[in-house]
Each structure stands twice: as structure tokens, then as C-alpha cells.
PDB file of N, CA and C in Angstrom:
ATOM      1  N   UNK A   1     125.309  81.187 116.619  1.00  0.00           N
ATOM      2  CA  UNK A   1     125.493  79.944 117.254  1.00  0.00           C
ATOM      3  C   UNK A   1     126.534  79.176 116.392  1.00  0.00           C
ATOM      4  N   UNK A   2     126.744  78.004 117.045  1.00  0.00           N
ATOM      5  CA  UNK A   2     127.746  77.153 116.575  1.00  0.00           C
ATOM      6  C   UNK A   2     127.200  76.135 115.780  1.00  0.00           C
ATOM      7  N   UNK A   3     126.149  76.258 115.671  1.00  0.00           N
ATOM      8  CA  UNK A   3     125.259  75.324 114.731  1.00  0.00           C
ATOM      9  C   UNK A   3     125.860  75.065 113.447  1.00  0.00           C
ATOM     10  N   UNK A   4     125.859  76.226 112.576  1.00  0.00           N
ATOM     11  CA  UNK A   4     126.614  75.964 111.211  1.00  0.00           C
ATOM     12  C   UNK A   4     127.923  75.308 111.333  1.00  0.00           C
ATOM     13  N   UNK A   5     129.033  75.203 112.208  1.00  0.00           N
ATOM     14  CA  UNK A   5     129.927  74.721 112.090  1.00  0.00           C
ATOM     15  C   UNK A   5     130.196  73.295 112.373  1.00  0.00           C
ATOM     16  N   UNK A   6     129.105  72.815 113.186  1.00  0.00           N
ATOM     17  CA  UNK A   6     129.059  71.425 113.488  1.00  0.00           C
ATOM     18  C   UNK A   6     128.319  70.619 112.387  1.00  0.00           C
ATOM     19  N   UNK A   7     127.227  71.088 111.946  1.00  0.00           N
ATOM     20  CA  UNK A   7     126.457  70.811 110.955  1.00  0.00           C
ATOM     21  C   UNK A   7     126.308  71.390 109.804  1.00  0.00           C
ATOM     22  N   UNK A   8     127.291  71.552 108.852  1.00  0.00           N
ATOM     23  CA  UNK A   8     127.128  72.473 107.806  1.00  0.00           C
ATOM     24  C   UNK A   8     126.222  71.798 106.654  1.00  0.00           C
ATOM     25  N   UNK A   9     125.755  72.960 105.877  1.00  0.00           N
ATOM     26  CA  UNK A   9     125.070  72.652 104.541  1.00  0.00           C
ATOM     27  C   UNK A   9     126.055  72.043 103.615  1.00  0.00           C
ATOM     28  N   UNK A  10     125.835  70.759 102.884  1.00  0.00           N
ATOM     29  CA  UNK A  10     126.478  70.409 101.907  1.00  0.00           C
ATOM     30  C   UNK A  10     125.674  69.689 100.725  1.00  0.00           C
ATOM     31  N   UNK A  11     126.359  70.020  99.618  1.00  0.00           N
ATOM     32  CA  UNK A  11     125.613  69.739  98.202  1.00  0.00           C
ATOM     33  C   UNK A  11     126.034  68.194  97.910  1.00  0.00           C
ATOM     34  N   UNK A  12     125.020  67.457  97.634  1.00  0.00           N
ATOM     35  CA  UNK A  12     125.402  66.062  96.976  1.00  0.00           C
ATOM     36  C   UNK A  12     125.095  66.149  95.283  1.00  0.00           C
ATOM     37  N   UNK A  13     126.224  65.891  94.637  1.00  0.00           N
ATOM     38  CA  UNK A  13     125.987  66.164  93.225  1.00  0.00           C
ATOM     39  C   UNK A  13     126.100  64.785  92.778  1.00  0.00           C
ATOM     40  N   UNK A  14     125.225  64.444  91.626  1.00  0.00           N
ATOM     41  CA  UNK A  14     124.969  63.143  90.893  1.00  0.00           C
ATOM     42  C   UNK A  14     126.287  62.835  90.048  1.00  0.00           C
ATOM     43  N   UNK A  15     126.797  61.670  89.986  1.00  0.00           N
ATOM     44  CA  UNK A  15     127.969  61.180  89.454  1.00  0.00           C
ATOM     45  C   UNK A  15     127.357  60.799  87.784  1.00  0.00           C
ATOM     46  N   UNK A  16     126.275  61.035  87.547  1.00  0.00           N
ATOM     47  CA  UNK A  16     125.865  60.450  86.325  1.00  0.00           C
ATOM     48  C   UNK A  16     126.023  61.549  85.350  1.00  0.00           C
ATOM     49  N   UNK A  17     126.583  62.781  85.875  1.00  0.00           N
ATOM     50  CA  UNK A  17     126.821  63.680  84.868  1.00  0.00           C
ATOM     51  C   UNK A  17     125.394  64.767  84.530  1.00  0.00           C
ATOM     52  N   UNK A  18     124.354  64.597  85.281  1.00  0.00           N
ATOM     53  CA  UNK A  18     123.101  65.218  84.954  1.00  0.00           C
ATOM     54  C   UNK A  18     123.370  66.747  85.615  1.00  0.00           C
ATOM     55  N   UNK A  19     124.189  66.913  86.550  1.00  0.00           N
ATOM     56  CA  UNK A  19     124.202  68.158  87.276  1.00  0.00           C
ATOM     57  C   UNK A  19     123.265  68.286  88.458  1.00  0.00           C
ATOM     58  N   UNK A  20     122.326  67.291  88.656  1.00  0.00           N
ATOM     59  CA  UNK A  20     121.257  67.467  89.698  1.00  0.00           C
ATOM     60  C   UNK A  20     122.032  67.101  90.884  1.00  0.00           C
ATOM     61  N   UNK A  21     121.469  68.046  92.049  1.00  0.00           N
ATOM     62  CA  UNK A  21     121.961  67.900  93.409  1.00  0.00           C
ATOM     63  C   UNK A  21     120.903  67.885  94.379  1.00  0.00           C
ATOM     64  N   UNK A  22     121.313  67.269  95.539  1.00  0.00           N
ATOM     65  CA  UNK A  22     120.414  67.251  96.642  1.00  0.00           C
ATOM     66  C   UNK A  22     121.267  68.141  97.728  1.00  0.00           C
ATOM     67  N   UNK A  23     120.531  68.982  98.717  1.00  0.00           N
ATOM     68  CA  UNK A  23     121.134  69.639  99.904  1.00  0.00           C
ATOM     69  C   UNK A  23     120.700  69.061 101.174  1.00  0.00           C
ATOM     70  N   UNK A  24     121.770  68.702 101.990  1.00  0.00           N
ATOM     71  CA  UNK A  24     121.509  68.113 103.256  1.00  0.00           C
ATOM     72  C   UNK A  24     122.561  68.391 104.309  1.00  0.00           C
ATOM     73  N   UNK A  25     122.305  68.229 105.499  1.00  0.00           N
ATOM     74  CA  UNK A  25     123.440  68.409 106.601  1.00  0.00           C
ATOM     75  C   UNK A  25     124.304  67.256 106.910  1.00  0.00           C
ATOM     76  N   UNK A  26     125.395  67.642 107.356  1.00  0.00           N
ATOM     77  CA  UNK A  26     126.161  66.287 107.838  1.00  0.00           C
ATOM     78  C   UNK A  26     126.952  66.799 109.234  1.00  0.00           C
ATOM     79  N   UNK A  27     127.265  65.846 110.096  1.00  0.00           N
ATOM     80  CA  UNK A  27     128.069  66.017 111.283  1.00  0.00           C
ATOM     81  C   UNK A  27     129.315  65.869 110.900  1.00  0.00           C
ATOM     82  N   UNK A  28     130.139  66.852 111.201  1.00  0.00           N
ATOM     83  CA  UNK A  28     131.751  66.591 110.698  1.00  0.00           C
ATOM     84  C   UNK A  28     132.420  65.914 111.646  1.00  0.00           C
ATOM     85  N   UNK A  29     132.064  65.919 113.073  1.00  0.00           N
ATOM     86  CA  UNK A  29     132.528  64.868 113.895  1.00  0.00           C
ATOM     87  C   UNK A  29     132.570  63.390 113.659  1.00  0.00           C
ATOM     88  N   UNK A  30     131.181  62.947 113.304  1.00  0.00           N
ATOM     89  CA  UNK A  30     131.193  61.644 113.000  1.00  0.00           C
ATOM     90  C   UNK A  30     131.588  61.159 111.477  1.00  0.00           C
ATOM     91  N   UNK A  31     131.475  61.968 110.522  1.00  0.00           N
ATOM     92  CA  UNK A  31     131.983  61.940 109.097  1.00  0.00           C
ATOM     93  C   UNK A  31     132.752  62.898 108.626  1.00  0.00           C
ATOM     94  N   UNK A  32     134.080  62.885 108.736  1.00  0.00           N
ATOM     95  CA  UNK A  32     134.781  63.842 108.347  1.00  0.00           C
ATOM     96  C   UNK A  32     135.089  63.929 106.917  1.00  0.00           C
ATOM     97  N   UNK A  33     135.001  62.594 106.197  1.00  0.00           N
ATOM     98  CA  UNK A  33     135.471  62.424 104.946  1.00  0.00           C
ATOM     99  C   UNK A  33     134.230  62.787 104.296  1.00  0.00           C
ATOM    100  N   UNK A  34     134.450  62.726 103.015  1.00  0.00           N
ATOM    101  CA  UNK A  34     133.466  63.266 101.920  1.00  0.00           C
ATOM    102  C   UNK A  34     132.150  62.268 101.912  1.00  0.00           C
ATOM    103  N   UNK A  35     130.799  62.707 102.066  1.00  0.00           N
ATOM    104  CA  UNK A  35     129.835  61.855 102.011  1.00  0.00           C
ATOM    105  C   UNK A  35     129.510  61.228 100.546  1.00  0.00           C
ATOM    106  N   UNK A  36     129.469  59.805 100.615  1.00  0.00           N
ATOM    107  CA  UNK A  36     128.931  59.356  99.369  1.00  0.00           C
ATOM    108  C   UNK A  36     127.679  58.441  99.549  1.00  0.00           C
ATOM    109  N   UNK A  37     126.614  58.820  98.829  1.00  0.00           N
ATOM    110  CA  UNK A  37     125.208  58.268  99.168  1.00  0.00           C
ATOM    111  C   UNK A  37     124.679  57.803  97.762  1.00  0.00           C
ATOM    112  N   UNK A  38     123.774  56.589  97.761  1.00  0.00           N
ATOM    113  CA  UNK A  38     122.977  56.161  96.610  1.00  0.00           C
ATOM    114  C   UNK A  38     121.624  56.812  96.695  1.00  0.00           C
ATOM    115  N   UNK A  39     121.387  57.732  95.865  1.00  0.00           N
ATOM    116  CA  UNK A  39     120.139  58.300  95.896  1.00  0.00           C
ATOM    117  C   UNK A  39     119.470  58.488  94.375  1.00  0.00           C
ATOM    118  N   UNK A  40     118.213  58.793  94.450  1.00  0.00           N
ATOM    119  CA  UNK A  40     117.335  58.718  92.937  1.00  0.00           C
ATOM    120  C   UNK A  40     117.739  60.108  92.162  1.00  0.00           C
ATOM    121  N   UNK A  41     118.084  60.030  91.043  1.00  0.00           N
ATOM    122  CA  UNK A  41     118.132  61.128  90.199  1.00  0.00           C
ATOM    123  C   UNK A  41     117.123  61.188  89.063  1.00  0.00           C
ATOM    124  N   UNK A  42     116.275  61.941  89.293  1.00  0.00           N
ATOM    125  CA  UNK A  42     115.039  62.188  88.413  1.00  0.00           C
ATOM    126  C   UNK A  42     115.045  62.350  86.953  1.00  0.00           C
ATOM    127  N   UNK A  43     116.379  62.882  86.733  1.00  0.00           N
ATOM    128  CA  UNK A  43     116.796  63.218  85.136  1.00  0.00           C
ATOM    129  C   UNK A  43     117.223  61.852  84.250  1.00  0.00           C
ATOM    130  N   UNK A  44     117.898  60.786  84.889  1.00  0.00           N
ATOM    131  CA  UNK A  44     117.940  59.683  84.219  1.00  0.00           C
ATOM    132  C   UNK A  44     117.309  58.482  84.914  1.00  0.00           C
ATOM    133  N   UNK A  45     116.226  58.953  85.894  1.00  0.00           N
ATOM    134  CA  UNK A  45     115.217  57.965  86.510  1.00  0.00           C
ATOM    135  C   UNK A  45     115.682  56.622  86.928  1.00  0.00           C
ATOM    136  N   UNK A  46     116.757  56.891  87.649  1.00  0.00           N
ATOM    137  CA  UNK A  46     117.350  55.600  88.561  1.00  0.00           C
ATOM    138  C   UNK A  46     118.011  56.251  89.794  1.00  0.00           C
ATOM    139  N   UNK A  47     118.550  55.204  90.520  1.00  0.00           N
ATOM    140  CA  UNK A  47     119.323  55.357  91.594  1.00  0.00           C
ATOM    141  C   UNK A  47     120.906  55.370  90.843  1.00  0.00           C
ATOM    142  N   UNK A  48     121.560  56.474  91.377  1.00  0.00           N
ATOM    143  CA  UNK A  48     122.873  56.680  91.221  1.00  0.00           C
ATOM    144  C   UNK A  48     123.705  57.064  92.354  1.00  0.00           C
ATOM    145  N   UNK A  49     125.141  56.970  92.319  1.00  0.00           N
ATOM    146  CA  UNK A  49     125.813  57.376  93.348  1.00  0.00           C
ATOM    147  C   UNK A  49     125.839  59.026  93.408  1.00  0.00           C
ATOM    148  N   UNK A  50     125.683  59.686  94.602  1.00  0.00           N
ATOM    149  CA  UNK A  50     125.905  60.886  94.740  1.00  0.00           C
ATOM    150  C   UNK A  50     127.052  61.487  95.662  1.00  0.00           C
ATOM    151  N   UNK A  51     128.036  62.342  95.526  1.00  0.00           N
ATOM    152  CA  UNK A  51     129.118  62.564  96.289  1.00  0.00           C
ATOM    153  C   UNK A  51     129.075  63.948  96.744  1.00  0.00           C
ATOM    154  N   UNK A  52     129.724  64.143  97.841  1.00  0.00           N
ATOM    155  CA  UNK A  52     129.790  65.595  98.482  1.00  0.00           C
ATOM    156  C   UNK A  52     130.301  66.335  97.555  1.00  0.00           C
ATOM    157  N   UNK A  53     129.951  67.704  97.097  1.00  0.00           N
ATOM    158  CA  UNK A  53     130.385  68.616  96.409  1.00  0.00           C
ATOM    159  C   UNK A  53     130.952  69.860  97.158  1.00  0.00           C
ATOM    160  N   UNK A  54     132.016  70.257  97.165  1.00  0.00           N
ATOM    161  CA  UNK A  54     132.524  71.520  98.143  1.00  0.00           C
ATOM    162  C   UNK A  54     132.556  72.691  97.240  1.00  0.00           C
TER     163      UNK A  54
END
């Protein structure tokens, strides 16, 4: 199926340097750029910026 091409699995890596990651899917048509989200990092116990890792 073409499901994996349109919505690939991506890793979101913490910018706090802890190495913590989240795994999610994104739509390449709607957001072709790298994804940047603020999410909770349990290692530093606060919200930090997570960037798409390829």
C-alpha cells in the first residue's frame, strides 16, 4: 500500500540533549518541512522543543 509513502514514521528527538525520542507519523503533503513541536521530556522533567530526526 502507499500508506507509508504519504504518512511516514518519523522520530522526534529532544533538543535538551537527553536523547529522548517520540515516534509519530506526519503527512508529507501538508508539512514537507521538518516538524518542530514542544513536548514533555521526562528526563529533564519539563517541556522542551522536539525536532524531526531523519
